[in-house]
N, C-alpha and C. Protein backbone atom coordinates (compact mmCIF):
# COMPACT_ATOMS: atom_id res chain seq x y z
N MET A 1 -14.38 5.95 8.03
CA MET A 1 -14.07 4.73 7.33
C MET A 1 -15.21 3.73 7.49
N SER A 2 -15.70 3.57 8.71
CA SER A 2 -16.77 2.61 8.95
C SER A 2 -18.01 2.94 8.14
N TRP A 3 -18.32 4.23 8.04
CA TRP A 3 -19.49 4.65 7.30
C TRP A 3 -19.31 4.33 5.82
N TRP A 4 -18.12 4.57 5.27
CA TRP A 4 -17.84 4.25 3.87
C TRP A 4 -17.99 2.75 3.64
N LEU A 5 -17.44 1.95 4.54
CA LEU A 5 -17.55 0.50 4.41
C LEU A 5 -19.01 0.05 4.44
N ALA A 6 -19.77 0.59 5.39
CA ALA A 6 -21.18 0.20 5.51
C ALA A 6 -21.99 0.64 4.29
N THR A 7 -21.62 1.78 3.72
CA THR A 7 -22.35 2.31 2.56
C THR A 7 -22.04 1.56 1.28
N TYR A 8 -20.77 1.29 1.04
CA TYR A 8 -20.36 0.73 -0.25
C TYR A 8 -20.00 -0.75 -0.23
N HIS A 9 -19.77 -1.32 0.94
CA HIS A 9 -19.39 -2.73 1.03
C HIS A 9 -20.10 -3.41 2.20
N PRO A 10 -21.43 -3.34 2.24
CA PRO A 10 -22.16 -3.84 3.41
C PRO A 10 -22.09 -5.35 3.60
N ASN A 11 -21.79 -6.08 2.55
CA ASN A 11 -21.76 -7.55 2.67
C ASN A 11 -20.35 -8.12 2.73
N ALA A 12 -19.36 -7.26 2.80
CA ALA A 12 -17.97 -7.72 2.84
C ALA A 12 -17.62 -8.26 4.22
N ASP A 13 -16.61 -9.13 4.23
CA ASP A 13 -16.04 -9.62 5.50
C ASP A 13 -14.93 -8.62 5.85
N ILE A 14 -15.17 -7.80 6.88
CA ILE A 14 -14.33 -6.65 7.17
C ILE A 14 -13.51 -6.85 8.44
N SER A 15 -12.23 -6.50 8.35
CA SER A 15 -11.35 -6.46 9.52
C SER A 15 -10.68 -5.09 9.52
N MET A 16 -10.63 -4.46 10.70
CA MET A 16 -10.03 -3.13 10.80
C MET A 16 -8.78 -3.17 11.67
N ASN A 17 -7.84 -2.26 11.38
CA ASN A 17 -6.55 -2.20 12.08
C ASN A 17 -5.88 -3.57 12.05
N VAL A 18 -5.62 -4.05 10.85
CA VAL A 18 -5.12 -5.40 10.63
C VAL A 18 -3.59 -5.42 10.59
N ARG A 19 -3.02 -6.20 11.48
CA ARG A 19 -1.57 -6.41 11.47
C ARG A 19 -1.24 -7.27 10.26
N LEU A 20 -0.19 -6.88 9.54
CA LEU A 20 0.16 -7.58 8.30
C LEU A 20 1.62 -8.00 8.30
N GLY A 21 1.87 -9.10 7.65
CA GLY A 21 3.23 -9.59 7.48
C GLY A 21 3.64 -10.52 8.59
N PRO A 22 4.71 -11.24 8.37
CA PRO A 22 5.21 -12.10 9.44
C PRO A 22 5.75 -11.25 10.58
N MET A 23 5.63 -11.77 11.79
CA MET A 23 6.16 -11.02 12.94
C MET A 23 7.67 -11.04 12.87
N GLU A 24 8.26 -9.86 12.94
CA GLU A 24 9.70 -9.73 12.83
C GLU A 24 10.27 -9.21 14.13
N PRO A 25 11.40 -9.80 14.57
CA PRO A 25 12.02 -9.29 15.79
C PRO A 25 12.55 -7.89 15.58
N ARG A 26 12.49 -7.10 16.63
CA ARG A 26 13.02 -5.75 16.60
C ARG A 26 14.48 -5.77 16.99
N LEU A 27 15.21 -4.81 16.47
CA LEU A 27 16.61 -4.67 16.86
C LEU A 27 16.67 -4.09 18.27
N PRO A 28 17.74 -4.38 19.00
CA PRO A 28 17.87 -3.80 20.34
C PRO A 28 17.81 -2.28 20.28
N LEU A 29 17.13 -1.68 21.27
CA LEU A 29 16.91 -0.24 21.26
C LEU A 29 17.74 0.51 22.28
N GLY A 30 18.07 -0.11 23.37
CA GLY A 30 18.68 0.61 24.48
C GLY A 30 20.18 0.76 24.36
N PRO A 31 20.77 1.41 25.36
CA PRO A 31 22.22 1.59 25.37
C PRO A 31 22.94 0.24 25.44
N GLY A 32 24.00 0.14 24.73
CA GLY A 32 24.79 -1.09 24.75
C GLY A 32 24.11 -2.25 24.03
N GLY A 33 23.11 -1.95 23.19
CA GLY A 33 22.44 -3.00 22.44
C GLY A 33 21.48 -3.84 23.26
N VAL A 34 21.05 -3.34 24.41
CA VAL A 34 20.12 -4.08 25.27
C VAL A 34 18.73 -3.48 25.10
N GLN A 35 17.78 -4.34 24.84
CA GLN A 35 16.40 -3.89 24.68
C GLN A 35 15.71 -3.88 26.05
N PRO A 36 15.03 -2.78 26.38
CA PRO A 36 14.33 -2.74 27.67
C PRO A 36 13.30 -3.87 27.77
N VAL A 37 13.09 -4.38 28.96
CA VAL A 37 12.15 -5.48 29.19
C VAL A 37 10.74 -5.08 28.76
N THR A 38 10.40 -3.81 28.90
CA THR A 38 9.05 -3.35 28.58
C THR A 38 8.81 -3.18 27.09
N ALA A 39 9.84 -3.29 26.27
CA ALA A 39 9.70 -3.09 24.82
C ALA A 39 9.17 -4.35 24.16
N SER A 40 8.38 -4.13 23.12
CA SER A 40 7.88 -5.26 22.33
C SER A 40 9.04 -5.90 21.58
N ARG A 41 9.03 -7.18 21.51
CA ARG A 41 10.12 -7.88 20.82
C ARG A 41 9.76 -8.23 19.38
N VAL A 42 8.54 -7.95 18.98
CA VAL A 42 8.13 -8.20 17.59
C VAL A 42 7.44 -6.95 17.06
N PHE A 43 7.36 -6.88 15.73
CA PHE A 43 6.78 -5.71 15.11
C PHE A 43 6.02 -6.14 13.86
N GLN A 44 4.86 -5.54 13.67
CA GLN A 44 4.09 -5.74 12.45
C GLN A 44 3.44 -4.42 12.07
N ARG A 45 3.43 -4.13 10.79
CA ARG A 45 2.70 -2.95 10.29
C ARG A 45 1.21 -3.29 10.32
N TYR A 46 0.37 -2.27 10.24
CA TYR A 46 -1.06 -2.56 10.15
C TYR A 46 -1.75 -1.62 9.18
N ALA A 47 -2.71 -2.18 8.47
CA ALA A 47 -3.52 -1.42 7.53
C ALA A 47 -4.80 -0.99 8.23
N ASP A 48 -5.37 0.12 7.78
CA ASP A 48 -6.62 0.58 8.37
C ASP A 48 -7.70 -0.49 8.24
N THR A 49 -7.85 -1.05 7.04
CA THR A 49 -8.89 -2.05 6.81
C THR A 49 -8.44 -3.05 5.76
N VAL A 50 -8.79 -4.30 6.01
CA VAL A 50 -8.71 -5.36 5.00
C VAL A 50 -10.10 -5.95 4.95
N PHE A 51 -10.66 -6.01 3.75
CA PHE A 51 -11.93 -6.70 3.63
C PHE A 51 -11.91 -7.62 2.43
N VAL A 52 -12.78 -8.62 2.48
CA VAL A 52 -12.89 -9.59 1.40
C VAL A 52 -14.31 -9.48 0.85
N GLU A 53 -14.38 -9.29 -0.46
CA GLU A 53 -15.68 -9.17 -1.13
C GLU A 53 -15.60 -9.93 -2.44
N ASN A 54 -16.56 -10.78 -2.67
CA ASN A 54 -16.60 -11.62 -3.88
C ASN A 54 -15.30 -12.41 -4.06
N GLY A 55 -14.70 -12.81 -2.95
CA GLY A 55 -13.49 -13.63 -2.98
C GLY A 55 -12.19 -12.86 -3.15
N ASP A 56 -12.26 -11.56 -3.39
CA ASP A 56 -11.05 -10.77 -3.56
C ASP A 56 -10.74 -9.96 -2.30
N PRO A 57 -9.45 -9.87 -1.95
CA PRO A 57 -9.07 -9.03 -0.81
C PRO A 57 -8.89 -7.57 -1.24
N TRP A 58 -9.20 -6.68 -0.32
CA TRP A 58 -9.06 -5.24 -0.53
C TRP A 58 -8.29 -4.67 0.65
N LEU A 59 -7.31 -3.82 0.37
CA LEU A 59 -6.59 -3.08 1.41
C LEU A 59 -7.02 -1.62 1.32
N VAL A 60 -7.40 -1.04 2.46
CA VAL A 60 -7.89 0.33 2.46
C VAL A 60 -7.10 1.16 3.46
N GLU A 61 -6.67 2.31 3.03
CA GLU A 61 -6.04 3.29 3.90
C GLU A 61 -6.89 4.55 3.82
N ALA A 62 -7.19 5.15 4.97
CA ALA A 62 -8.05 6.34 5.01
C ALA A 62 -7.30 7.52 5.60
N LYS A 63 -7.57 8.69 5.04
CA LYS A 63 -6.95 9.94 5.51
C LYS A 63 -7.98 11.06 5.43
N LEU A 64 -7.91 11.97 6.39
CA LEU A 64 -8.73 13.17 6.29
C LEU A 64 -8.17 14.08 5.20
N GLU A 65 -6.88 14.29 5.24
CA GLU A 65 -6.20 15.12 4.25
C GLU A 65 -5.32 14.22 3.39
N PRO A 66 -5.49 14.26 2.08
CA PRO A 66 -4.69 13.37 1.23
C PRO A 66 -3.23 13.78 1.21
N ASP A 67 -2.40 12.77 1.15
CA ASP A 67 -0.97 12.96 1.11
C ASP A 67 -0.42 11.92 0.13
N PRO A 68 0.54 12.27 -0.70
CA PRO A 68 1.06 11.28 -1.65
C PRO A 68 1.65 10.04 -0.98
N GLY A 69 1.98 10.15 0.31
CA GLY A 69 2.51 9.00 1.04
C GLY A 69 1.51 7.87 1.17
N ILE A 70 0.24 8.14 0.93
CA ILE A 70 -0.78 7.10 1.04
C ILE A 70 -0.51 5.99 0.02
N PHE A 71 0.07 6.34 -1.12
CA PHE A 71 0.36 5.32 -2.14
C PHE A 71 1.46 4.38 -1.68
N SER A 72 2.53 4.94 -1.11
CA SER A 72 3.61 4.07 -0.64
C SER A 72 3.14 3.22 0.52
N GLN A 73 2.26 3.77 1.37
CA GLN A 73 1.72 2.95 2.47
C GLN A 73 0.97 1.75 1.91
N LEU A 74 0.08 1.99 0.95
CA LEU A 74 -0.71 0.89 0.39
C LEU A 74 0.17 -0.16 -0.29
N ILE A 75 1.17 0.29 -1.03
CA ILE A 75 2.08 -0.66 -1.70
C ILE A 75 2.87 -1.44 -0.66
N HIS A 76 3.31 -0.77 0.38
CA HIS A 76 4.04 -1.42 1.47
C HIS A 76 3.15 -2.48 2.14
N TYR A 77 1.89 -2.10 2.45
CA TYR A 77 0.96 -3.04 3.07
C TYR A 77 0.65 -4.21 2.14
N ALA A 78 0.57 -3.95 0.84
CA ALA A 78 0.31 -5.02 -0.12
C ALA A 78 1.43 -6.06 -0.09
N ARG A 79 2.65 -5.58 0.00
CA ARG A 79 3.79 -6.51 0.07
C ARG A 79 3.71 -7.36 1.33
N PHE A 80 3.39 -6.73 2.47
CA PHE A 80 3.25 -7.48 3.72
C PHE A 80 2.05 -8.41 3.69
N PHE A 81 0.97 -7.98 3.07
CA PHE A 81 -0.22 -8.83 2.94
C PHE A 81 0.13 -10.11 2.19
N ARG A 82 0.86 -9.97 1.10
CA ARG A 82 1.23 -11.14 0.29
C ARG A 82 2.19 -12.07 1.04
N ALA A 83 2.95 -11.53 1.98
CA ALA A 83 3.91 -12.36 2.74
C ALA A 83 3.30 -12.93 4.01
N ASP A 84 2.09 -12.51 4.35
CA ASP A 84 1.47 -12.91 5.62
C ASP A 84 0.83 -14.29 5.49
N PRO A 85 1.27 -15.26 6.32
CA PRO A 85 0.69 -16.61 6.24
C PRO A 85 -0.81 -16.63 6.56
N ALA A 86 -1.30 -15.66 7.31
CA ALA A 86 -2.73 -15.64 7.65
C ALA A 86 -3.60 -15.33 6.44
N TRP A 87 -3.04 -14.77 5.37
CA TRP A 87 -3.81 -14.39 4.20
C TRP A 87 -3.40 -15.20 2.96
N LYS A 88 -2.72 -16.33 3.17
CA LYS A 88 -2.19 -17.10 2.04
C LYS A 88 -3.28 -17.66 1.12
N GLN A 89 -4.51 -17.81 1.62
CA GLN A 89 -5.58 -18.34 0.77
C GLN A 89 -5.95 -17.36 -0.35
N PHE A 90 -5.45 -16.11 -0.26
CA PHE A 90 -5.74 -15.11 -1.29
C PHE A 90 -4.54 -14.87 -2.21
N ALA A 91 -3.57 -15.77 -2.19
CA ALA A 91 -2.34 -15.59 -2.96
C ALA A 91 -2.60 -15.45 -4.46
N ASN A 92 -3.62 -16.11 -4.97
CA ASN A 92 -3.90 -16.08 -6.41
C ASN A 92 -5.07 -15.16 -6.76
N ARG A 93 -5.51 -14.37 -5.82
CA ARG A 93 -6.63 -13.45 -6.06
C ARG A 93 -6.09 -12.03 -6.28
N THR A 94 -6.84 -11.25 -7.03
CA THR A 94 -6.48 -9.86 -7.25
C THR A 94 -6.57 -9.09 -5.94
N LEU A 95 -5.53 -8.35 -5.62
CA LEU A 95 -5.51 -7.52 -4.42
C LEU A 95 -5.83 -6.08 -4.83
N HIS A 96 -6.93 -5.54 -4.31
CA HIS A 96 -7.37 -4.19 -4.63
C HIS A 96 -6.85 -3.22 -3.57
N LEU A 97 -6.34 -2.10 -4.01
CA LEU A 97 -5.84 -1.06 -3.10
C LEU A 97 -6.75 0.16 -3.22
N VAL A 98 -7.19 0.67 -2.06
CA VAL A 98 -8.11 1.80 -2.05
C VAL A 98 -7.62 2.86 -1.08
N ALA A 99 -7.62 4.11 -1.54
CA ALA A 99 -7.34 5.26 -0.69
C ALA A 99 -8.65 6.01 -0.51
N VAL A 100 -9.12 6.09 0.73
CA VAL A 100 -10.34 6.82 1.04
C VAL A 100 -9.93 8.11 1.73
N VAL A 101 -10.33 9.25 1.15
CA VAL A 101 -9.97 10.54 1.71
C VAL A 101 -11.22 11.38 1.91
N TYR A 102 -11.18 12.25 2.91
CA TYR A 102 -12.29 13.16 3.15
C TYR A 102 -12.19 14.39 2.26
N SER A 103 -11.00 14.95 2.16
CA SER A 103 -10.77 16.13 1.32
C SER A 103 -10.00 15.70 0.09
N ASN A 104 -10.44 16.15 -1.06
CA ASN A 104 -9.77 15.78 -2.30
C ASN A 104 -8.63 16.74 -2.60
N ASP A 105 -7.58 16.21 -3.18
CA ASP A 105 -6.48 17.00 -3.71
C ASP A 105 -6.21 16.45 -5.10
N PRO A 106 -6.66 17.14 -6.15
CA PRO A 106 -6.51 16.61 -7.51
C PRO A 106 -5.07 16.27 -7.89
N SER A 107 -4.10 17.01 -7.34
CA SER A 107 -2.71 16.72 -7.69
C SER A 107 -2.26 15.37 -7.13
N VAL A 108 -2.86 14.95 -6.02
CA VAL A 108 -2.56 13.62 -5.46
C VAL A 108 -3.45 12.59 -6.14
N ALA A 109 -4.71 12.90 -6.33
CA ALA A 109 -5.66 11.97 -6.94
C ALA A 109 -5.20 11.54 -8.33
N ASP A 110 -4.58 12.45 -9.10
CA ASP A 110 -4.11 12.14 -10.45
C ASP A 110 -3.09 11.01 -10.47
N GLU A 111 -2.37 10.81 -9.36
CA GLU A 111 -1.33 9.79 -9.31
C GLU A 111 -1.87 8.40 -8.98
N ALA A 112 -3.07 8.32 -8.46
CA ALA A 112 -3.62 7.03 -8.01
C ALA A 112 -3.55 5.93 -9.07
N PRO A 113 -3.95 6.20 -10.32
CA PRO A 113 -3.89 5.12 -11.33
C PRO A 113 -2.47 4.61 -11.59
N TRP A 114 -1.47 5.47 -11.42
CA TRP A 114 -0.09 5.05 -11.63
C TRP A 114 0.31 3.95 -10.66
N TYR A 115 -0.28 3.98 -9.47
CA TYR A 115 0.05 3.01 -8.44
C TYR A 115 -0.97 1.88 -8.34
N GLY A 116 -1.97 1.90 -9.20
CA GLY A 116 -3.00 0.87 -9.15
C GLY A 116 -3.93 1.05 -7.96
N VAL A 117 -4.12 2.29 -7.54
CA VAL A 117 -4.93 2.59 -6.36
C VAL A 117 -6.26 3.22 -6.78
N GLN A 118 -7.33 2.73 -6.21
CA GLN A 118 -8.65 3.33 -6.42
C GLN A 118 -8.78 4.51 -5.45
N TRP A 119 -9.05 5.69 -5.98
CA TRP A 119 -9.13 6.92 -5.19
C TRP A 119 -10.59 7.19 -4.87
N GLU A 120 -10.94 7.28 -3.60
CA GLU A 120 -12.32 7.51 -3.17
C GLU A 120 -12.37 8.75 -2.29
N VAL A 121 -13.15 9.74 -2.69
CA VAL A 121 -13.42 10.90 -1.84
C VAL A 121 -14.76 10.63 -1.19
N PHE A 122 -14.76 10.57 0.13
CA PHE A 122 -15.99 10.26 0.85
C PHE A 122 -16.23 11.35 1.89
N GLN A 123 -17.29 12.09 1.70
CA GLN A 123 -17.67 13.17 2.62
C GLN A 123 -19.10 12.92 3.09
N PRO A 124 -19.25 12.13 4.13
CA PRO A 124 -20.61 11.85 4.61
C PRO A 124 -21.27 13.10 5.16
N ASN A 125 -22.59 13.09 5.14
CA ASN A 125 -23.35 14.20 5.70
C ASN A 125 -23.31 14.06 7.22
N LEU A 126 -22.44 14.80 7.85
CA LEU A 126 -22.25 14.68 9.30
C LEU A 126 -23.44 15.18 10.09
N GLU A 127 -24.32 15.94 9.46
CA GLU A 127 -25.53 16.41 10.15
C GLU A 127 -26.49 15.26 10.43
N MET A 128 -26.31 14.15 9.72
CA MET A 128 -27.18 12.98 9.94
C MET A 128 -26.77 12.20 11.18
N LEU A 129 -25.58 12.46 11.70
CA LEU A 129 -25.14 11.75 12.89
C LEU A 129 -25.92 12.21 14.10
N ALA A 130 -26.13 11.31 15.02
CA ALA A 130 -26.80 11.67 16.26
C ALA A 130 -25.91 12.65 17.02
N PRO A 131 -26.49 13.59 17.74
CA PRO A 131 -25.66 14.52 18.51
C PRO A 131 -24.89 13.78 19.60
N PRO A 132 -23.71 14.26 19.94
CA PRO A 132 -22.93 13.59 20.98
C PRO A 132 -23.61 13.69 22.34
N ARG A 133 -23.40 12.67 23.15
CA ARG A 133 -23.93 12.67 24.52
C ARG A 133 -22.76 12.57 25.47
N VAL A 134 -22.82 13.34 26.52
CA VAL A 134 -21.74 13.33 27.50
C VAL A 134 -21.81 12.05 28.31
N ARG A 135 -23.00 11.65 28.68
CA ARG A 135 -23.18 10.44 29.48
C ARG A 135 -24.22 9.55 28.82
N LEU A 136 -23.97 8.29 28.82
CA LEU A 136 -24.91 7.34 28.27
C LEU A 136 -25.61 6.60 29.40
N PRO A 137 -26.90 6.34 29.26
CA PRO A 137 -27.58 5.57 30.31
C PRO A 137 -27.06 4.14 30.32
N ILE A 138 -26.75 3.65 31.51
CA ILE A 138 -26.22 2.30 31.67
C ILE A 138 -27.03 1.59 32.73
N ALA A 139 -27.53 0.44 32.41
CA ALA A 139 -28.22 -0.44 33.36
C ALA A 139 -29.22 0.30 34.23
N GLY A 140 -30.08 1.08 33.60
CA GLY A 140 -31.12 1.74 34.35
C GLY A 140 -30.71 3.00 35.05
N ILE A 141 -29.47 3.44 34.91
CA ILE A 141 -29.02 4.68 35.53
C ILE A 141 -29.34 5.81 34.56
N SER A 142 -30.01 6.83 35.02
CA SER A 142 -30.35 7.93 34.12
C SER A 142 -29.10 8.72 33.77
N ALA A 143 -29.16 9.40 32.63
CA ALA A 143 -28.02 10.20 32.18
C ALA A 143 -27.74 11.38 33.11
N GLU A 144 -28.74 11.77 33.92
CA GLU A 144 -28.56 12.89 34.83
C GLU A 144 -27.85 12.48 36.11
N SER A 145 -27.91 11.22 36.48
CA SER A 145 -27.29 10.79 37.74
C SER A 145 -25.78 10.61 37.56
N PRO A 146 -25.00 10.80 38.62
CA PRO A 146 -23.55 10.64 38.48
C PRO A 146 -23.20 9.19 38.15
N MET A 147 -22.17 9.03 37.33
CA MET A 147 -21.76 7.70 36.92
C MET A 147 -20.85 7.03 37.96
N LEU A 148 -20.24 7.84 38.83
CA LEU A 148 -19.36 7.30 39.86
C LEU A 148 -19.92 7.66 41.23
N PRO A 149 -19.75 6.78 42.21
CA PRO A 149 -20.21 7.14 43.55
C PRO A 149 -19.35 8.27 44.11
N ASP A 150 -19.91 8.99 45.09
CA ASP A 150 -19.20 10.13 45.69
C ASP A 150 -17.84 9.74 46.26
N ASN A 151 -17.74 8.52 46.77
CA ASN A 151 -16.50 8.10 47.42
C ASN A 151 -15.61 7.25 46.50
N TRP A 152 -15.71 7.46 45.20
CA TRP A 152 -14.96 6.62 44.27
C TRP A 152 -13.46 6.70 44.49
N ALA A 153 -12.95 7.89 44.77
CA ALA A 153 -11.50 8.04 44.96
C ALA A 153 -11.03 7.28 46.20
N ALA A 154 -11.82 7.33 47.27
CA ALA A 154 -11.46 6.61 48.50
C ALA A 154 -11.48 5.10 48.25
N ARG A 155 -12.43 4.63 47.45
CA ARG A 155 -12.47 3.19 47.12
C ARG A 155 -11.20 2.76 46.40
N LEU A 156 -10.77 3.56 45.43
CA LEU A 156 -9.53 3.23 44.72
C LEU A 156 -8.36 3.20 45.68
N ASN A 157 -8.32 4.18 46.58
CA ASN A 157 -7.25 4.25 47.56
C ASN A 157 -7.24 3.00 48.44
N SER A 158 -8.42 2.52 48.80
CA SER A 158 -8.49 1.32 49.64
C SER A 158 -7.97 0.08 48.90
N TRP A 159 -7.94 0.14 47.58
CA TRP A 159 -7.41 -0.98 46.79
C TRP A 159 -5.92 -0.80 46.48
N GLY A 160 -5.33 0.24 47.07
CA GLY A 160 -3.91 0.47 46.84
C GLY A 160 -3.63 1.31 45.61
N ILE A 161 -4.67 1.97 45.06
CA ILE A 161 -4.50 2.82 43.90
C ILE A 161 -4.65 4.26 44.36
N LYS A 162 -3.63 5.06 44.13
CA LYS A 162 -3.67 6.47 44.54
C LYS A 162 -4.43 7.24 43.50
N ALA A 163 -5.63 7.74 43.84
CA ALA A 163 -6.46 8.51 42.94
C ALA A 163 -6.40 9.98 43.30
N PHE A 164 -6.51 10.82 42.33
CA PHE A 164 -6.55 12.26 42.56
C PHE A 164 -7.70 12.58 43.48
N GLY A 165 -7.46 13.34 44.49
CA GLY A 165 -8.51 13.74 45.41
C GLY A 165 -8.73 12.77 46.55
N ALA A 166 -8.04 11.65 46.56
CA ALA A 166 -8.23 10.67 47.64
C ALA A 166 -7.34 11.07 48.82
N ALA A 167 -7.91 10.98 49.99
CA ALA A 167 -7.13 11.29 51.19
C ALA A 167 -6.15 10.17 51.46
N GLY A 168 -5.04 10.52 52.06
CA GLY A 168 -4.11 9.47 52.48
C GLY A 168 -2.90 9.57 51.75
């Protein structure tokens, strides 16, 4: 997704994993209608990306494998976007919906115009990516040197944290 955004919308104001809609209280989940203390008391859906370009907002959902559910997700997010007070300055602007997929499925792609969704198949050349590194050099430490001291588990244990391999 990031590569697609950088390639096709380099000057857009981009936000990723955007919570949308007003925060709504959740119904009690536990036995007897009691919600556990550890449970979140509010809920918001989130879109993969919201970006603003030329004054218009865009909602983007990305999938490796296309599924017709992507259309209902985008329409659902559009409804929440329009109800979200954080995005009210775009109330009179056209909201663009985009489905970015890695693998194309023509039977799903054919439906995109029915829902007002722009269908994008994006298959970047993955050979251009730098090879993965197991360890990154940090603050002058070479990639060959260990990232943790030999006694790291004992240090955690001394702080009251039980680490695997720590004596005690």
